[in-house]
Amino acid sequence: MTIDTLDRLPQILDLVHDRYFDLERVAYNKEAGTVTVPFGETKEQPVGRQLIIQGVREFQYDDTEQIGRYWFNKILINPARESLVIDCDILKLELRVSPEFQISVR
């Protein structure tokens, strides 16, 4: 599934909510403007599918807890900062995105 409009963001969240990912496997390709987050059903196996965000200008996070594996809770839009925030309760991934960004789950 791929979305490119904000009104369909809940459909993506339905696919990733409470799924696990390993922060070390998150990849930011600055040249291509993509962030790829492999995720899975369980904390023990946080792989199997991928959340892919295209049109990323900047990617940052502050891993203060350093526990390695996190879960998706919310995906928020901050229009003032032109950013998308993946809220994992104790970790937030912030992506500054272009207006034509796309989000896919594969």
Protein backbone atom coordinates (compact mmCIF):
# COMPACT_ATOMS: atom_id res chain seq x y z
CA MET A 1 0.00 0.00 0.00
CA THR A 2 1.26 3.47 -0.90
CA ILE A 3 -0.26 6.77 0.14
CA ASP A 4 0.51 10.30 -0.94
CA THR A 5 -2.30 12.17 0.78
CA LEU A 6 -2.63 12.84 4.49
CA ASP A 7 -6.24 11.72 4.68
CA ARG A 8 -5.06 8.13 4.06
CA LEU A 9 -2.45 8.19 6.84
CA PRO A 10 -4.71 6.18 9.22
CA GLN A 11 -4.60 3.28 6.73
CA ILE A 12 -0.80 3.12 7.05
CA LEU A 13 -1.00 3.41 10.83
CA ASP A 14 -3.40 0.46 10.91
CA LEU A 15 -0.71 -1.67 9.21
CA VAL A 16 2.17 -0.70 11.53
CA HIS A 17 0.57 0.13 14.90
CA ASP A 18 2.08 -1.92 17.74
CA ARG A 19 4.51 -3.62 15.34
CA TYR A 20 8.19 -3.78 16.31
CA PHE A 21 11.34 -2.54 14.61
CA ASP A 22 15.05 -2.59 15.40
CA LEU A 23 16.45 0.93 15.33
CA GLU A 24 19.80 -0.35 14.01
CA ARG A 25 18.03 -1.59 10.86
CA VAL A 26 16.45 1.78 10.06
CA ALA A 27 18.15 3.15 6.94
CA TYR A 28 18.27 6.73 5.70
CA ASN A 29 19.42 7.18 2.12
CA LYS A 30 20.02 10.93 1.93
CA GLU A 31 20.73 10.90 -1.82
CA ALA A 32 17.50 9.07 -2.65
CA GLY A 33 15.53 10.89 0.06
CA THR A 34 14.18 7.67 1.59
CA VAL A 35 13.88 6.20 5.05
CA THR A 36 13.25 2.46 5.31
CA VAL A 37 12.05 0.88 8.55
CA PRO A 38 11.93 -2.94 8.53
CA PHE A 39 9.32 -4.14 11.04
CA GLY A 40 7.61 -7.27 12.24
CA GLU A 41 4.89 -8.69 14.44
CA THR A 42 7.00 -9.51 17.49
CA LYS A 43 9.84 -7.97 19.46
CA GLU A 44 11.89 -11.12 18.89
CA GLN A 45 11.44 -10.95 15.09
CA PRO A 46 11.20 -7.25 14.16
CA VAL A 47 11.48 -7.92 10.42
CA GLY A 48 9.33 -9.17 7.56
CA ARG A 49 7.77 -5.98 6.21
CA GLN A 50 8.99 -2.46 5.52
CA LEU A 51 7.69 1.05 6.07
CA ILE A 52 9.22 3.23 3.35
CA ILE A 53 9.00 7.02 3.34
CA GLN A 54 10.05 8.84 0.16
CA GLY A 55 10.64 12.56 -0.23
CA VAL A 56 12.65 12.85 2.99
CA ARG A 57 14.85 15.93 3.25
CA GLU A 58 16.17 15.32 6.75
CA PHE A 59 15.96 12.50 9.29
CA GLN A 60 16.73 12.67 12.99
CA TYR A 61 16.03 11.05 16.33
CA ASP A 62 17.44 11.06 19.84
CA ASP A 63 17.77 7.52 21.17
CA THR A 64 18.06 8.32 24.88
CA GLU A 65 16.77 4.92 26.03
CA GLN A 66 19.05 2.85 23.77
CA ILE A 67 16.94 -0.29 24.05
CA GLY A 68 17.27 -1.14 20.36
CA ARG A 69 13.79 -2.42 19.59
CA TYR A 70 10.80 -0.12 19.55
CA TRP A 71 7.17 -0.23 18.43
CA PHE A 72 5.06 2.07 16.29
CA ASN A 73 2.44 4.01 18.21
CA LYS A 74 1.42 7.04 16.13
CA ILE A 75 2.36 8.77 12.90
CA LEU A 76 1.87 12.52 13.21
CA ILE A 77 2.15 15.42 10.80
CA ASN A 78 3.64 18.73 11.83
CA PRO A 79 2.73 21.12 8.98
CA ALA A 80 4.63 24.05 10.53
CA ARG A 81 7.90 22.11 10.34
CA GLU A 82 6.96 20.18 7.17
CA SER A 83 7.67 17.04 9.10
CA LEU A 84 6.33 13.60 9.77
CA VAL A 85 6.85 12.19 13.28
CA ILE A 86 6.80 8.48 14.00
CA ASP A 87 5.95 8.37 17.69
CA CYS A 88 7.11 5.24 19.48
CA ASP A 89 6.20 6.45 22.98
CA ILE A 90 9.80 6.63 24.27
CA LEU A 91 11.38 7.43 20.90
CA LYS A 92 10.37 9.86 18.18
CA LEU A 93 11.67 9.66 14.62
CA GLU A 94 11.35 13.03 12.89
CA LEU A 95 11.44 13.27 9.11
CA ARG A 96 11.38 16.61 7.31
CA VAL A 97 9.55 15.84 4.10
CA SER A 98 8.81 17.45 0.77
CA PRO A 99 5.17 18.25 -0.13
CA GLU A 100 5.15 15.29 -2.55
CA PHE A 101 6.27 12.68 0.00
CA GLN A 102 4.93 9.13 -0.12
CA ILE A 103 4.58 6.42 2.51
CA SER A 104 4.48 2.73 1.60
CA VAL A 105 4.16 -0.53 3.48
CA ARG A 106 5.57 -3.56 1.69
